[in-house]
Amino acid sequence: MKPQRSERAAAAAICSSCEAFRRHFSRKRAVDIRRINPKVPKEEAVAISGRLLQILADHGPLTVGSTWNHAKDAAIDSLNSKTHMKILLKWMWGRRIIKLSCTQAGNTKKFLYSPFTAEDTEAAEEPAEEQPKRKGWKGKHPKYQTKKQPATAA
């Protein structure tokens, strides 16, 4: 029995809504920097972030723990705790003052904070080269890779 026109239209509507749903949830979530509350007035947060930025610039990429040790040595006023410093680092990261990078050695990962440089801002502003879209996952699996021919000696 052949489906009626209304059933086909309903099926098409369901498919298009499923596609829209999939596209919506496959997008990367945008960072909402407005929700990061530095727990101090903005002027004070800017002053503390300037001192933290100076520590990161002087001592290179640092982990949270080593940043906290340097901050204690620098005796930054109104920096209450390590947790407060982590909130401020997240606030600075959201405003693109510092960058967060990950280095992996075996099973362990280290997350390092470092100041943004001019090269980083240029790389973020330049659009990436357009790559042709691939359908599905073909091309990544070894089965679909082209085999390289061994070079013959002449």
Protein backbone atom coordinates (compact mmCIF):
# COMPACT_ATOMS: atom_id res chain seq x y z
CA MET A 1 0.00 0.00 0.00
CA LYS A 2 1.37 3.41 -1.03
CA PRO A 3 1.70 6.01 1.77
CA GLN A 4 -0.47 9.07 1.37
CA ARG A 5 0.89 12.52 0.74
CA SER A 6 0.25 13.71 4.31
CA GLU A 7 2.20 10.79 5.78
CA ARG A 8 5.17 11.55 3.53
CA ALA A 9 5.04 15.23 4.48
CA ALA A 10 4.96 14.32 8.16
CA ALA A 11 7.94 12.00 7.72
CA ALA A 12 9.88 14.74 5.91
CA ALA A 13 9.07 17.23 8.68
CA ILE A 14 10.32 14.79 11.33
CA CYS A 15 13.56 14.21 9.41
CA SER A 16 14.21 17.93 9.01
CA SER A 17 13.54 18.60 12.70
CA CYS A 18 15.86 15.74 13.68
CA GLU A 19 18.55 17.21 11.42
CA ALA A 20 18.15 20.65 13.00
CA PHE A 21 18.31 19.08 16.47
CA ARG A 22 21.51 17.22 15.56
CA ARG A 23 23.15 20.35 14.10
CA HIS A 24 22.24 22.42 17.15
CA PHE A 25 23.77 20.00 19.65
CA SER A 26 26.86 19.20 17.60
CA ARG A 27 28.03 22.82 17.72
CA LYS A 28 30.70 23.83 20.17
CA ARG A 29 29.33 25.80 23.10
CA ALA A 30 30.34 29.45 23.22
CA VAL A 31 32.15 30.67 26.28
CA ASP A 32 29.92 32.95 28.33
CA ILE A 33 32.40 35.25 30.03
CA ARG A 34 29.66 37.37 31.56
CA ARG A 35 28.81 34.58 33.98
CA ILE A 36 32.32 34.36 35.42
CA ASN A 37 32.15 36.51 38.54
CA PRO A 38 35.63 37.52 39.79
CA LYS A 39 34.18 37.94 43.35
CA VAL A 40 35.71 41.43 43.68
CA PRO A 41 34.90 44.81 42.11
CA LYS A 42 36.01 45.12 38.49
CA GLU A 43 38.76 47.67 39.24
CA GLU A 44 40.23 45.35 41.84
CA ALA A 45 39.95 42.36 39.48
CA VAL A 46 41.81 44.29 36.79
CA ALA A 47 44.58 45.15 39.28
CA ILE A 48 44.92 41.53 40.45
CA SER A 49 44.86 40.24 36.88
CA GLY A 50 47.65 42.66 35.99
CA ARG A 51 49.81 41.22 38.77
CA LEU A 52 48.97 37.63 37.76
CA LEU A 53 49.76 38.46 34.12
CA GLN A 54 53.13 39.85 35.22
CA ILE A 55 53.87 36.62 37.11
CA LEU A 56 52.97 34.54 34.05
CA ALA A 57 55.09 36.75 31.78
CA ASP A 58 58.11 36.62 34.10
CA HIS A 59 58.11 32.90 34.88
CA GLY A 60 56.81 31.42 31.62
CA PRO A 61 53.98 28.90 31.26
CA LEU A 62 52.86 27.89 34.75
CA THR A 63 50.47 25.41 36.28
CA VAL A 64 47.83 26.59 38.74
CA GLY A 65 49.88 25.34 41.69
CA SER A 66 53.08 27.08 40.67
CA THR A 67 51.13 30.26 39.83
CA TRP A 68 49.67 30.18 43.36
CA ASN A 69 53.15 29.77 44.87
CA HIS A 70 54.45 32.78 42.92
CA ALA A 71 51.34 34.79 43.84
CA LYS A 72 51.88 34.06 47.55
CA ASP A 73 55.51 35.15 47.23
CA ALA A 74 54.43 38.33 45.46
CA ALA A 75 51.90 39.02 48.27
CA ILE A 76 49.11 40.14 45.96
CA ASP A 77 46.56 42.10 47.97
CA SER A 78 42.92 40.97 47.97
CA LEU A 79 43.76 37.56 46.49
CA ASN A 80 42.01 35.49 49.12
CA SER A 81 42.73 31.89 48.22
CA LYS A 82 43.87 29.51 45.53
CA THR A 83 40.23 28.98 44.54
CA HIS A 84 39.80 32.74 44.15
CA MET A 85 42.94 32.85 41.99
CA LYS A 86 41.56 30.03 39.81
CA ILE A 87 38.33 32.01 39.30
CA LEU A 88 40.35 35.06 38.28
CA LEU A 89 42.48 32.96 35.89
CA LYS A 90 39.27 31.67 34.30
CA TRP A 91 37.98 35.25 34.06
CA MET A 92 41.25 36.31 32.39
CA TRP A 93 41.07 33.35 30.01
CA GLY A 94 37.52 34.31 29.00
CA ARG A 95 38.68 37.84 28.21
CA ARG A 96 41.62 36.48 26.16
CA ILE A 97 44.27 37.95 28.44
CA ILE A 98 45.91 34.58 29.02
CA LYS A 99 45.84 31.28 27.16
CA LEU A 100 45.53 27.75 28.46
CA SER A 101 47.55 24.96 26.89
CA CYS A 102 47.79 21.27 27.63
CA THR A 103 50.90 19.10 27.51
CA GLN A 104 50.58 15.37 27.74
CA ALA A 105 53.30 12.99 28.90
CA GLY A 106 52.07 9.43 28.97
CA ASN A 107 48.91 9.18 31.03
CA THR A 108 49.30 12.56 32.73
CA LYS A 109 48.27 15.97 31.42
CA LYS A 110 49.57 19.35 32.54
CA PHE A 111 47.51 22.46 31.97
CA LEU A 112 49.70 25.53 31.63
CA TYR A 113 48.70 29.19 31.68
CA SER A 114 50.69 31.72 29.69
CA PRO A 115 50.03 35.29 28.50
CA PHE A 116 48.54 35.90 25.05
CA THR A 117 51.03 37.19 22.49
CA ALA A 118 50.56 39.14 19.26
CA GLU A 119 51.06 35.91 17.27
CA ASP A 120 48.20 34.24 19.16
CA THR A 121 45.77 37.07 18.42
CA GLU A 122 46.74 37.08 14.71
CA ALA A 123 46.24 33.31 14.50
CA ALA A 124 42.82 33.61 16.13
CA GLU A 125 41.70 36.36 13.74
CA GLU A 126 42.86 34.68 10.49
CA PRO A 127 40.21 32.42 8.97
CA ALA A 128 41.23 28.82 8.52
CA GLU A 129 41.60 27.50 5.00
CA GLU A 130 38.46 25.94 3.62
CA GLN A 131 38.73 22.19 3.48
CA PRO A 132 36.29 20.14 1.43
CA LYS A 133 33.65 18.53 3.59
CA ARG A 134 33.71 14.77 3.76
CA LYS A 135 30.63 12.69 4.07
CA GLY A 136 30.71 10.40 7.04
CA TRP A 137 33.93 9.05 8.46
CA LYS A 138 35.34 7.46 5.30
CA GLY A 139 38.90 8.48 4.72
CA LYS A 140 39.91 8.24 8.37
CA HIS A 141 39.67 4.47 8.62
CA PRO A 142 42.77 2.54 7.40
CA LYS A 143 40.56 0.47 5.12
CA TYR A 144 39.84 3.55 3.00
CA GLN A 145 43.39 4.92 2.90
CA THR A 146 45.27 4.74 -0.38
CA LYS A 147 48.33 2.55 -0.22
CA LYS A 148 51.66 4.17 -0.96
CA GLN A 149 53.64 2.48 -3.70
CA PRO A 150 57.26 1.65 -2.76
CA ALA A 151 59.79 3.66 -4.73
CA THR A 152 61.77 1.52 -7.15
CA ALA A 153 65.51 1.98 -7.36
CA ALA A 154 66.69 3.01 -10.81
